PDB file of all heavy atoms in Angstrom:
ATOM      1  N   PRO A   1     -18.910 -17.971 -22.325  1.00  0.00           N
ATOM      2  CA  PRO A   1     -18.179 -16.809 -22.842  1.00  0.00           C
ATOM      3  C   PRO A   1     -16.717 -16.769 -22.392  1.00  0.00           C
ATOM      4  O   PRO A   1     -15.852 -16.268 -23.114  1.00  0.00           O
ATOM      5  CB  PRO A   1     -18.955 -15.614 -22.267  1.00  0.00           C
ATOM      6  CG  PRO A   1     -20.321 -16.132 -22.024  1.00  0.00           C
ATOM      7  CD  PRO A   1     -20.128 -17.561 -21.593  1.00  0.00           C
ATOM      8  N   ILE A   2     -16.448 -17.301 -21.195  1.00  0.00           N
ATOM      9  CA  ILE A   2     -15.059 -17.342 -20.716  1.00  0.00           C
ATOM     10  C   ILE A   2     -14.249 -18.304 -21.578  1.00  0.00           C
ATOM     11  O   ILE A   2     -13.144 -17.975 -22.035  1.00  0.00           O
ATOM     12  CB  ILE A   2     -15.011 -17.760 -19.231  1.00  0.00           C
ATOM     13  CG1 ILE A   2     -15.717 -16.725 -18.360  1.00  0.00           C
ATOM     14  CG2 ILE A   2     -13.558 -17.944 -18.776  1.00  0.00           C
ATOM     15  CD1 ILE A   2     -15.845 -17.117 -16.901  1.00  0.00           C
ATOM     16  N   LYS A   3     -14.802 -19.488 -21.810  1.00  0.00           N
ATOM     17  CA  LYS A   3     -14.105 -20.458 -22.670  1.00  0.00           C
ATOM     18  C   LYS A   3     -13.924 -19.894 -24.078  1.00  0.00           C
ATOM     19  O   LYS A   3     -12.858 -20.040 -24.690  1.00  0.00           O
ATOM     20  CB  LYS A   3     -14.886 -21.776 -22.700  1.00  0.00           C
ATOM     21  CG  LYS A   3     -14.823 -22.549 -21.392  1.00  0.00           C
ATOM     22  CD  LYS A   3     -15.400 -23.948 -21.516  1.00  0.00           C
ATOM     23  CE  LYS A   3     -16.904 -23.938 -21.462  1.00  0.00           C
ATOM     24  NZ  LYS A   3     -17.479 -25.305 -21.417  1.00  0.00           N
ATOM     25  N   TYR A   4     -14.958 -19.265 -24.581  1.00  0.00           N
ATOM     26  CA  TYR A   4     -14.922 -18.650 -25.910  1.00  0.00           C
ATOM     27  C   TYR A   4     -13.782 -17.634 -26.001  1.00  0.00           C
ATOM     28  O   TYR A   4     -13.024 -17.616 -26.978  1.00  0.00           O
ATOM     29  CB  TYR A   4     -16.271 -17.977 -26.160  1.00  0.00           C
ATOM     30  CG  TYR A   4     -16.376 -17.114 -27.393  1.00  0.00           C
ATOM     31  CD1 TYR A   4     -16.578 -17.684 -28.651  1.00  0.00           C
ATOM     32  CD2 TYR A   4     -16.337 -15.722 -27.298  1.00  0.00           C
ATOM     33  CE1 TYR A   4     -16.716 -16.877 -29.781  1.00  0.00           C
ATOM     34  CE2 TYR A   4     -16.469 -14.914 -28.416  1.00  0.00           C
ATOM     35  CZ  TYR A   4     -16.659 -15.506 -29.650  1.00  0.00           C
ATOM     36  OH  TYR A   4     -16.799 -14.702 -30.774  1.00  0.00           O
ATOM     37  N   THR A   5     -13.641 -16.830 -24.982  1.00  0.00           N
ATOM     38  CA  THR A   5     -12.602 -15.797 -24.953  1.00  0.00           C
ATOM     39  C   THR A   5     -11.207 -16.408 -24.883  1.00  0.00           C
ATOM     40  O   THR A   5     -10.308 -16.034 -25.648  1.00  0.00           O
ATOM     41  CB  THR A   5     -12.809 -14.864 -23.747  1.00  0.00           C
ATOM     42  OG1 THR A   5     -14.078 -14.219 -23.863  1.00  0.00           O
ATOM     43  CG2 THR A   5     -11.706 -13.821 -23.662  1.00  0.00           C
ATOM     44  N   MET A   6     -11.022 -17.350 -23.972  1.00  0.00           N
ATOM     45  CA  MET A   6      -9.689 -17.901 -23.754  1.00  0.00           C
ATOM     46  C   MET A   6      -9.232 -18.813 -24.890  1.00  0.00           C
ATOM     47  O   MET A   6      -8.038 -19.054 -25.055  1.00  0.00           O
ATOM     48  CB  MET A   6      -9.638 -18.647 -22.422  1.00  0.00           C
ATOM     49  CG  MET A   6      -9.921 -17.771 -21.201  1.00  0.00           C
ATOM     50  SD  MET A   6      -8.952 -16.233 -21.124  1.00  0.00           S
ATOM     51  CE  MET A   6      -7.277 -16.878 -21.100  1.00  0.00           C
ATOM     52  N   GLU A   7     -10.164 -19.306 -25.683  1.00  0.00           N
ATOM     53  CA  GLU A   7      -9.803 -20.181 -26.808  1.00  0.00           C
ATOM     54  C   GLU A   7      -9.437 -19.401 -28.068  1.00  0.00           C
ATOM     55  O   GLU A   7      -9.038 -19.993 -29.069  1.00  0.00           O
ATOM     56  CB  GLU A   7     -10.961 -21.137 -27.111  1.00  0.00           C
ATOM     57  CG  GLU A   7     -11.132 -22.230 -26.054  1.00  0.00           C
ATOM     58  CD  GLU A   7     -12.420 -23.030 -26.232  1.00  0.00           C
ATOM     59  OE1 GLU A   7     -13.198 -22.697 -27.168  1.00  0.00           O
ATOM     60  OE2 GLU A   7     -12.651 -23.960 -25.444  1.00  0.00           O
ATOM     61  N   GLN A   8      -9.567 -18.084 -28.025  1.00  0.00           N
ATOM     62  CA  GLN A   8      -9.285 -17.277 -29.219  1.00  0.00           C
ATOM     63  C   GLN A   8      -7.801 -17.059 -29.454  1.00  0.00           C
ATOM     64  O   GLN A   8      -7.402 -16.540 -30.486  1.00  0.00           O
ATOM     65  CB  GLN A   8      -9.999 -15.924 -29.120  1.00  0.00           C
ATOM     66  CG  GLN A   8     -11.497 -16.016 -29.298  1.00  0.00           C
ATOM     67  CD  GLN A   8     -12.190 -14.718 -28.948  1.00  0.00           C
ATOM     68  OE1 GLN A   8     -11.575 -13.646 -28.952  1.00  0.00           O
ATOM     69  NE2 GLN A   8     -13.469 -14.801 -28.638  1.00  0.00           N
ATOM     70  N   GLY A   9      -6.996 -17.434 -28.499  1.00  0.00           N
ATOM     71  CA  GLY A   9      -5.547 -17.295 -28.670  1.00  0.00           C
ATOM     72  C   GLY A   9      -5.075 -15.900 -28.321  1.00  0.00           C
ATOM     73  O   GLY A   9      -5.432 -15.351 -27.285  1.00  0.00           O
ATOM     74  N   GLY A  10      -4.285 -15.318 -29.202  1.00  0.00           N
ATOM     75  CA  GLY A  10      -3.652 -14.037 -28.900  1.00  0.00           C
ATOM     76  C   GLY A  10      -2.158 -14.221 -28.779  1.00  0.00           C
ATOM     77  O   GLY A  10      -1.630 -15.338 -28.872  1.00  0.00           O
ATOM     78  N   LYS A  11      -1.456 -13.133 -28.544  1.00  0.00           N
ATOM     79  CA  LYS A  11       0.013 -13.173 -28.509  1.00  0.00           C
ATOM     80  C   LYS A  11       0.556 -13.802 -27.235  1.00  0.00           C
ATOM     81  O   LYS A  11       1.710 -14.191 -27.176  1.00  0.00           O
ATOM     82  CB  LYS A  11       0.560 -11.743 -28.661  1.00  0.00           C
ATOM     83  CG  LYS A  11       0.339 -11.151 -30.047  1.00  0.00           C
ATOM     84  CD  LYS A  11       0.871  -9.732 -30.154  1.00  0.00           C
ATOM     85  CE  LYS A  11      -0.080  -8.735 -29.545  1.00  0.00           C
ATOM     86  NZ  LYS A  11      -1.346  -8.590 -30.271  1.00  0.00           N
ATOM     87  N   ARG A  12      -0.287 -13.858 -26.180  1.00  0.00           N
ATOM     88  CA  ARG A  12       0.146 -14.374 -24.857  1.00  0.00           C
ATOM     89  C   ARG A  12       1.394 -13.637 -24.389  1.00  0.00           C
ATOM     90  O   ARG A  12       2.281 -14.215 -23.751  1.00  0.00           O
ATOM     91  CB  ARG A  12       0.418 -15.883 -24.913  1.00  0.00           C
ATOM     92  CG  ARG A  12      -0.704 -16.741 -25.483  1.00  0.00           C
ATOM     93  CD  ARG A  12      -2.018 -16.576 -24.750  1.00  0.00           C
ATOM     94  NE  ARG A  12      -3.001 -17.601 -25.127  1.00  0.00           N
ATOM     95  CZ  ARG A  12      -4.308 -17.468 -25.010  1.00  0.00           C
ATOM     96  NH1 ARG A  12      -4.820 -16.336 -24.541  1.00  0.00           N
ATOM     97  NH2 ARG A  12      -5.115 -18.447 -25.357  1.00  0.00           N
ATOM     98  N   LEU A  13       1.451 -12.355 -24.699  1.00  0.00           N
ATOM     99  CA  LEU A  13       2.624 -11.546 -24.361  1.00  0.00           C
ATOM    100  C   LEU A  13       2.836 -11.457 -22.856  1.00  0.00           C
ATOM    101  O   LEU A  13       3.958 -11.632 -22.362  1.00  0.00           O
ATOM    102  CB  LEU A  13       2.464 -10.147 -24.959  1.00  0.00           C
ATOM    103  CG  LEU A  13       3.472  -9.089 -24.515  1.00  0.00           C
ATOM    104  CD1 LEU A  13       4.886  -9.494 -24.929  1.00  0.00           C
ATOM    105  CD2 LEU A  13       3.100  -7.725 -25.104  1.00  0.00           C
ATOM    106  N   ARG A  14       1.786 -11.187 -22.121  1.00  0.00           N
ATOM    107  CA  ARG A  14       1.925 -10.923 -20.688  1.00  0.00           C
ATOM    108  C   ARG A  14       2.408 -12.144 -19.908  1.00  0.00           C
ATOM    109  O   ARG A  14       3.358 -12.030 -19.128  1.00  0.00           O
ATOM    110  CB  ARG A  14       0.609 -10.345 -20.157  1.00  0.00           C
ATOM    111  CG  ARG A  14       0.370  -8.930 -20.684  1.00  0.00           C
ATOM    112  CD  ARG A  14      -1.094  -8.574 -20.809  1.00  0.00           C
ATOM    113  NE  ARG A  14      -1.248  -7.291 -21.507  1.00  0.00           N
ATOM    114  CZ  ARG A  14      -1.271  -7.178 -22.843  1.00  0.00           C
ATOM    115  NH1 ARG A  14      -1.165  -8.251 -23.609  1.00  0.00           N
ATOM    116  NH2 ARG A  14      -1.393  -5.997 -23.415  1.00  0.00           N
ATOM    117  N   PRO A  15       1.807 -13.307 -20.084  1.00  0.00           N
ATOM    118  CA  PRO A  15       2.345 -14.469 -19.364  1.00  0.00           C
ATOM    119  C   PRO A  15       3.749 -14.844 -19.820  1.00  0.00           C
ATOM    120  O   PRO A  15       4.560 -15.314 -19.017  1.00  0.00           O
ATOM    121  CB  PRO A  15       1.342 -15.576 -19.674  1.00  0.00           C
ATOM    122  CG  PRO A  15       0.655 -15.156 -20.923  1.00  0.00           C
ATOM    123  CD  PRO A  15       0.589 -13.662 -20.850  1.00  0.00           C
ATOM    124  N   THR A  16       4.039 -14.616 -21.088  1.00  0.00           N
ATOM    125  CA  THR A  16       5.388 -14.894 -21.584  1.00  0.00           C
ATOM    126  C   THR A  16       6.416 -14.023 -20.873  1.00  0.00           C
ATOM    127  O   THR A  16       7.504 -14.489 -20.512  1.00  0.00           O
ATOM    128  CB  THR A  16       5.458 -14.673 -23.107  1.00  0.00           C
ATOM    129  OG1 THR A  16       4.663 -15.667 -23.763  1.00  0.00           O
ATOM    130  CG2 THR A  16       6.888 -14.774 -23.617  1.00  0.00           C
ATOM    131  N   LEU A  17       6.079 -12.761 -20.637  1.00  0.00           N
ATOM    132  CA  LEU A  17       6.996 -11.869 -19.927  1.00  0.00           C
ATOM    133  C   LEU A  17       7.239 -12.353 -18.500  1.00  0.00           C
ATOM    134  O   LEU A  17       8.363 -12.289 -17.994  1.00  0.00           O
ATOM    135  CB  LEU A  17       6.443 -10.446 -19.904  1.00  0.00           C
ATOM    136  CG  LEU A  17       6.477  -9.672 -21.223  1.00  0.00           C
ATOM    137  CD1 LEU A  17       5.818  -8.307 -21.059  1.00  0.00           C
ATOM    138  CD2 LEU A  17       7.904  -9.511 -21.731  1.00  0.00           C
ATOM    139  N   VAL A  18       6.186 -12.853 -17.844  1.00  0.00           N
ATOM    140  CA  VAL A  18       6.355 -13.382 -16.483  1.00  0.00           C
ATOM    141  C   VAL A  18       7.324 -14.554 -16.494  1.00  0.00           C
ATOM    142  O   VAL A  18       8.297 -14.595 -15.723  1.00  0.00           O
ATOM    143  CB  VAL A  18       4.998 -13.825 -15.890  1.00  0.00           C
ATOM    144  CG1 VAL A  18       5.213 -14.448 -14.507  1.00  0.00           C
ATOM    145  CG2 VAL A  18       4.029 -12.652 -15.791  1.00  0.00           C
ATOM    146  N   LEU A  19       7.075 -15.520 -17.368  1.00  0.00           N
ATOM    147  CA  LEU A  19       7.887 -16.743 -17.403  1.00  0.00           C
ATOM    148  C   LEU A  19       9.324 -16.452 -17.835  1.00  0.00           C
ATOM    149  O   LEU A  19      10.279 -16.974 -17.242  1.00  0.00           O
ATOM    150  CB  LEU A  19       7.259 -17.764 -18.347  1.00  0.00           C
ATOM    151  CG  LEU A  19       5.825 -18.211 -18.034  1.00  0.00           C
ATOM    152  CD1 LEU A  19       5.376 -19.270 -19.018  1.00  0.00           C
ATOM    153  CD2 LEU A  19       5.708 -18.720 -16.598  1.00  0.00           C
ATOM    154  N   ALA A  20       9.468 -15.639 -18.881  1.00  0.00           N
ATOM    155  CA  ALA A  20      10.813 -15.358 -19.404  1.00  0.00           C
ATOM    156  C   ALA A  20      11.646 -14.584 -18.391  1.00  0.00           C
ATOM    157  O   ALA A  20      12.850 -14.835 -18.236  1.00  0.00           O
ATOM    158  CB  ALA A  20      10.700 -14.575 -20.711  1.00  0.00           C
ATOM    159  N   THR A  21      11.026 -13.636 -17.678  1.00  0.00           N
ATOM    160  CA  THR A  21      11.767 -12.879 -16.668  1.00  0.00           C
ATOM    161  C   THR A  21      12.202 -13.776 -15.527  1.00  0.00           C
ATOM    162  O   THR A  21      13.336 -13.670 -15.033  1.00  0.00           O
ATOM    163  CB  THR A  21      10.903 -11.720 -16.132  1.00  0.00           C
ATOM    164  OG1 THR A  21      10.438 -10.922 -17.226  1.00  0.00           O
ATOM    165  CG2 THR A  21      11.702 -10.847 -15.176  1.00  0.00           C
ATOM    166  N   CYS A  22      11.326 -14.675 -15.118  1.00  0.00           N
ATOM    167  CA  CYS A  22      11.682 -15.621 -14.061  1.00  0.00           C
ATOM    168  C   CYS A  22      12.895 -16.460 -14.477  1.00  0.00           C
ATOM    169  O   CYS A  22      13.858 -16.598 -13.711  1.00  0.00           O
ATOM    170  CB  CYS A  22      10.476 -16.517 -13.757  1.00  0.00           C
ATOM    171  SG  CYS A  22      10.729 -17.658 -12.386  1.00  0.00           S
ATOM    172  N   GLU A  23      12.867 -16.986 -15.683  1.00  0.00           N
ATOM    173  CA  GLU A  23      13.990 -17.813 -16.152  1.00  0.00           C
ATOM    174  C   GLU A  23      15.245 -16.995 -16.397  1.00  0.00           C
ATOM    175  O   GLU A  23      16.359 -17.497 -16.242  1.00  0.00           O
ATOM    176  CB  GLU A  23      13.581 -18.546 -17.430  1.00  0.00           C
ATOM    177  CG  GLU A  23      12.684 -19.735 -17.184  1.00  0.00           C
ATOM    178  CD  GLU A  23      13.111 -20.941 -18.003  1.00  0.00           C
ATOM    179  OE1 GLU A  23      13.444 -20.774 -19.191  1.00  0.00           O
ATOM    180  OE2 GLU A  23      13.106 -22.055 -17.446  1.00  0.00           O
ATOM    181  N   ALA A  24      15.070 -15.737 -16.788  1.00  0.00           N
ATOM    182  CA  ALA A  24      16.241 -14.893 -17.051  1.00  0.00           C
ATOM    183  C   ALA A  24      17.104 -14.724 -15.810  1.00  0.00           C
ATOM    184  O   ALA A  24      18.316 -14.510 -15.906  1.00  0.00           O
ATOM    185  CB  ALA A  24      15.795 -13.524 -17.572  1.00  0.00           C
ATOM    186  N   PHE A  25      16.473 -14.853 -14.636  1.00  0.00           N
ATOM    187  CA  PHE A  25      17.219 -14.748 -13.385  1.00  0.00           C
ATOM    188  C   PHE A  25      17.535 -16.118 -12.786  1.00  0.00           C
ATOM    189  O   PHE A  25      17.874 -16.239 -11.614  1.00  0.00           O
ATOM    190  CB  PHE A  25      16.453 -13.880 -12.377  1.00  0.00           C
ATOM    191  CG  PHE A  25      16.529 -12.421 -12.688  1.00  0.00           C
ATOM    192  CD1 PHE A  25      15.476 -11.779 -13.302  1.00  0.00           C
ATOM    193  CD2 PHE A  25      17.675 -11.698 -12.379  1.00  0.00           C
ATOM    194  CE1 PHE A  25      15.549 -10.428 -13.603  1.00  0.00           C
ATOM    195  CE2 PHE A  25      17.759 -10.346 -12.674  1.00  0.00           C
ATOM    196  CZ  PHE A  25      16.699  -9.707 -13.289  1.00  0.00           C
ATOM    197  N   GLY A  26      17.420 -17.155 -13.614  1.00  0.00           N
ATOM    198  CA  GLY A  26      17.934 -18.461 -13.220  1.00  0.00           C
ATOM    199  C   GLY A  26      16.967 -19.387 -12.517  1.00  0.00           C
ATOM    200  O   GLY A  26      17.380 -20.426 -11.982  1.00  0.00           O
ATOM    201  N   LYS A  27      15.671 -19.057 -12.507  1.00  0.00           N
ATOM    202  CA  LYS A  27      14.700 -19.922 -11.848  1.00  0.00           C
ATOM    203  C   LYS A  27      13.774 -20.538 -12.891  1.00  0.00           C
ATOM    204  O   LYS A  27      13.372 -19.889 -13.850  1.00  0.00           O
ATOM    205  CB  LYS A  27      13.875 -19.122 -10.830  1.00  0.00           C
ATOM    206  CG  LYS A  27      13.248 -19.993  -9.739  1.00  0.00           C
ATOM    207  CD  LYS A  27      12.843 -19.121  -8.556  1.00  0.00           C
ATOM    208  CE  LYS A  27      12.439 -19.962  -7.363  1.00  0.00           C
ATOM    209  NZ  LYS A  27      12.107 -19.119  -6.184  1.00  0.00           N
ATOM    210  N   ASP A  28      13.429 -21.803 -12.701  1.00  0.00           N
ATOM    211  CA  ASP A  28      12.577 -22.512 -13.655  1.00  0.00           C
ATOM    212  C   ASP A  28      11.241 -21.786 -13.814  1.00  0.00           C
ATOM    213  O   ASP A  28      10.620 -21.368 -12.828  1.00  0.00           O
ATOM    214  CB  ASP A  28      12.332 -23.940 -13.150  1.00  0.00           C
ATOM    215  CG  ASP A  28      11.735 -24.842 -14.225  1.00  0.00           C
ATOM    216  OD1 ASP A  28      10.652 -24.505 -14.742  1.00  0.00           O
ATOM    217  OD2 ASP A  28      12.340 -25.875 -14.538  1.00  0.00           O
ATOM    218  N   TRP A  29      10.791 -21.643 -15.068  1.00  0.00           N
ATOM    219  CA  TRP A  29       9.558 -20.920 -15.355  1.00  0.00           C
ATOM    220  C   TRP A  29       8.336 -21.521 -14.659  1.00  0.00           C
ATOM    221  O   TRP A  29       7.341 -20.828 -14.403  1.00  0.00           O
ATOM    222  CB  TRP A  29       9.306 -20.859 -16.859  1.00  0.00           C
ATOM    223  CG  TRP A  29       9.172 -22.204 -17.546  1.00  0.00           C
ATOM    224  CD1 TRP A  29      10.174 -22.896 -18.163  1.00  0.00           C
ATOM    225  CD2 TRP A  29       7.990 -22.993 -17.673  1.00  0.00           C
ATOM    226  NE1 TRP A  29       9.690 -24.089 -18.670  1.00  0.00           N
ATOM    227  CE2 TRP A  29       8.343 -24.167 -18.392  1.00  0.00           C
ATOM    228  CE3 TRP A  29       6.667 -22.844 -17.275  1.00  0.00           C
ATOM    229  CZ2 TRP A  29       7.434 -25.160 -18.704  1.00  0.00           C
ATOM    230  CZ3 TRP A  29       5.745 -23.838 -17.586  1.00  0.00           C
ATOM    231  CH2 TRP A  29       6.131 -24.982 -18.286  1.00  0.00           C
ATOM    232  N   LYS A  30       8.405 -22.819 -14.332  1.00  0.00           N
ATOM    233  CA  LYS A  30       7.253 -23.473 -13.699  1.00  0.00           C
ATOM    234  C   LYS A  30       6.890 -22.833 -12.360  1.00  0.00           C
ATOM    235  O   LYS A  30       5.732 -22.898 -11.928  1.00  0.00           O
ATOM    236  CB  LYS A  30       7.522 -24.966 -13.520  1.00  0.00           C
ATOM    237  CG  LYS A  30       7.597 -25.761 -14.821  1.00  0.00           C
ATOM    238  CD  LYS A  30       7.761 -27.242 -14.544  1.00  0.00           C
ATOM    239  CE  LYS A  30       7.804 -28.058 -15.838  1.00  0.00           C
ATOM    240  NZ  LYS A  30       9.046 -27.804 -16.603  1.00  0.00           N
ATOM    241  N   HIS A  31       7.872 -22.219 -11.689  1.00  0.00           N
ATOM    242  CA  HIS A  31       7.586 -21.555 -10.414  1.00  0.00           C
ATOM    243  C   HIS A  31       6.638 -20.363 -10.600  1.00  0.00           C
ATOM    244  O   HIS A  31       5.980 -19.944  -9.643  1.00  0.00           O
ATOM    245  CB  HIS A  31       8.886 -21.069  -9.760  1.00  0.00           C
ATOM    246  CG  HIS A  31       9.744 -22.169  -9.232  1.00  0.00           C
ATOM    247  ND1 HIS A  31       9.577 -22.708  -7.971  1.00  0.00           N
ATOM    248  CD2 HIS A  31      10.791 -22.840  -9.794  1.00  0.00           C
ATOM    249  CE1 HIS A  31      10.471 -23.662  -7.775  1.00  0.00           C
ATOM    250  NE2 HIS A  31      11.222 -23.764  -8.863  1.00  0.00           N
ATOM    251  N   ALA A  32       6.579 -19.846 -11.822  1.00  0.00           N
ATOM    252  CA  ALA A  32       5.786 -18.644 -12.079  1.00  0.00           C
ATOM    253  C   ALA A  32       4.576 -18.903 -12.971  1.00  0.00           C
ATOM    254  O   ALA A  32       3.880 -17.960 -13.346  1.00  0.00           O
ATOM    255  CB  ALA A  32       6.675 -17.567 -12.717  1.00  0.00           C
ATOM    256  N   ILE A  33       4.302 -20.159 -13.286  1.00  0.00           N
ATOM    257  CA  ILE A  33       3.292 -20.440 -14.304  1.00  0.00           C
ATOM    258  C   ILE A  33       1.894 -19.983 -13.905  1.00  0.00           C
ATOM    259  O   ILE A  33       1.161 -19.418 -14.723  1.00  0.00           O
ATOM    260  CB  ILE A  33       3.295 -21.944 -14.704  1.00  0.00           C
ATOM    261  CG1 ILE A  33       2.331 -22.196 -15.868  1.00  0.00           C
ATOM    262  CG2 ILE A  33       2.996 -22.829 -13.523  1.00  0.00           C
ATOM    263  CD1 ILE A  33       2.647 -21.458 -17.148  1.00  0.00           C
ATOM    264  N   TYR A  34       1.496 -20.183 -12.667  1.00  0.00           N
ATOM    265  CA  TYR A  34       0.119 -19.814 -12.317  1.00  0.00           C
ATOM    266  C   TYR A  34      -0.085 -18.297 -12.220  1.00  0.00           C
ATOM    267  O   TYR A  34      -1.114 -17.785 -12.713  1.00  0.00           O
ATOM    268  CB  TYR A  34      -0.328 -20.559 -11.065  1.00  0.00           C
ATOM    269  CG  TYR A  34      -0.634 -22.008 -11.392  1.00  0.00           C
ATOM    270  CD1 TYR A  34       0.246 -23.025 -11.032  1.00  0.00           C
ATOM    271  CD2 TYR A  34      -1.772 -22.340 -12.120  1.00  0.00           C
ATOM    272  CE1 TYR A  34      -0.009 -24.348 -11.372  1.00  0.00           C
ATOM    273  CE2 TYR A  34      -2.039 -23.665 -12.458  1.00  0.00           C
ATOM    274  CZ  TYR A  34      -1.157 -24.662 -12.088  1.00  0.00           C
ATOM    275  OH  TYR A  34      -1.412 -25.966 -12.444  1.00  0.00           O
ATOM    276  N   PRO A  35       0.846 -17.543 -11.634  1.00  0.00           N
ATOM    277  CA  PRO A  35       0.709 -16.085 -11.755  1.00  0.00           C
ATOM    278  C   PRO A  35       0.707 -15.622 -13.214  1.00  0.00           C
ATOM    279  O   PRO A  35      -0.019 -14.685 -13.572  1.00  0.00           O
ATOM    280  CB  PRO A  35       1.920 -15.552 -10.994  1.00  0.00           C
ATOM    281  CG  PRO A  35       2.197 -16.607  -9.976  1.00  0.00           C
ATOM    282  CD  PRO A  35       1.913 -17.904 -10.682  1.00  0.00           C
ATOM    283  N   ALA A  36       1.500 -16.280 -14.061  1.00  0.00           N
ATOM    284  CA  ALA A  36       1.506 -15.928 -15.486  1.00  0.00           C
ATOM    285  C   ALA A  36       0.144 -16.173 -16.111  1.00  0.00           C
ATOM    286  O   ALA A  36      -0.389 -15.328 -16.847  1.00  0.00           O
ATOM    287  CB  ALA A  36       2.582 -16.740 -16.222  1.00  0.00           C
ATOM    288  N   ILE A  37      -0.451 -17.325 -15.809  1.00  0.00           N
ATOM    289  CA  ILE A  37      -1.784 -17.654 -16.320  1.00  0.00           C
ATOM    290  C   ILE A  37      -2.802 -16.655 -15.782  1.00  0.00           C
ATOM    291  O   ILE A  37      -3.702 -16.200 -16.496  1.00  0.00           O
ATOM    292  CB  ILE A  37      -2.177 -19.089 -15.918  1.00  0.00           C
ATOM    293  CG1 ILE A  37      -1.265 -20.117 -16.595  1.00  0.00           C
ATOM    294  CG2 ILE A  37      -3.640 -19.363 -16.248  1.00  0.00           C
ATOM    295  CD1 ILE A  37      -1.279 -20.079 -18.096  1.00  0.00           C
ATOM    296  N   GLY A  38      -2.652 -16.289 -14.503  1.00  0.00           N
ATOM    297  CA  GLY A  38      -3.549 -15.308 -13.903  1.00  0.00           C
ATOM    298  C   GLY A  38      -3.504 -13.971 -14.627  1.00  0.00           C
ATOM    299  O   GLY A  38      -4.544 -13.333 -14.845  1.00  0.00           O
ATOM    300  N   MET A  39      -2.305 -13.549 -15.005  1.00  0.00           N
ATOM    301  CA  MET A  39      -2.174 -12.273 -15.712  1.00  0.00           C
ATOM    302  C   MET A  39      -2.835 -12.341 -17.089  1.00  0.00           C
ATOM    303  O   MET A  39      -3.424 -11.355 -17.556  1.00  0.00           O
ATOM    304  CB  MET A  39      -0.700 -11.883 -15.847  1.00  0.00           C
ATOM    305  CG  MET A  39      -0.019 -11.585 -14.512  1.00  0.00           C
ATOM    306  SD  MET A  39      -0.778 -10.218 -13.596  1.00  0.00           S
ATOM    307  CE  MET A  39       0.291  -8.860 -14.080  1.00  0.00           C
ATOM    308  N   GLU A  40      -2.777 -13.489 -17.735  1.00  0.00           N
ATOM    309  CA  GLU A  40      -3.415 -13.625 -19.052  1.00  0.00           C
ATOM    310  C   GLU A  40      -4.938 -13.629 -18.925  1.00  0.00           C
ATOM    311  O   GLU A  40      -5.638 -13.008 -19.735  1.00  0.00           O
ATOM    312  CB  GLU A  40      -2.938 -14.902 -19.750  1.00  0.00           C
ATOM    313  CG  GLU A  40      -3.535 -15.136 -21.126  1.00  0.00           C
ATOM    314  CD  GLU A  40      -3.123 -14.104 -22.165  1.00  0.00           C
ATOM    315  OE1 GLU A  40      -2.247 -13.248 -21.876  1.00  0.00           O
ATOM    316  OE2 GLU A  40      -3.679 -14.138 -23.280  1.00  0.00           O
TER     317      GLU A  40
END
């Protein structure tokens, strides 16, 4: 059921906000990727 849920896609809005905010302040998004994934 977890795989089923995560494979359905979605807007991925929340992790995108984490990554974009990190980069907006000059830091590579990769530094925030796992917290972003966690939020999704």
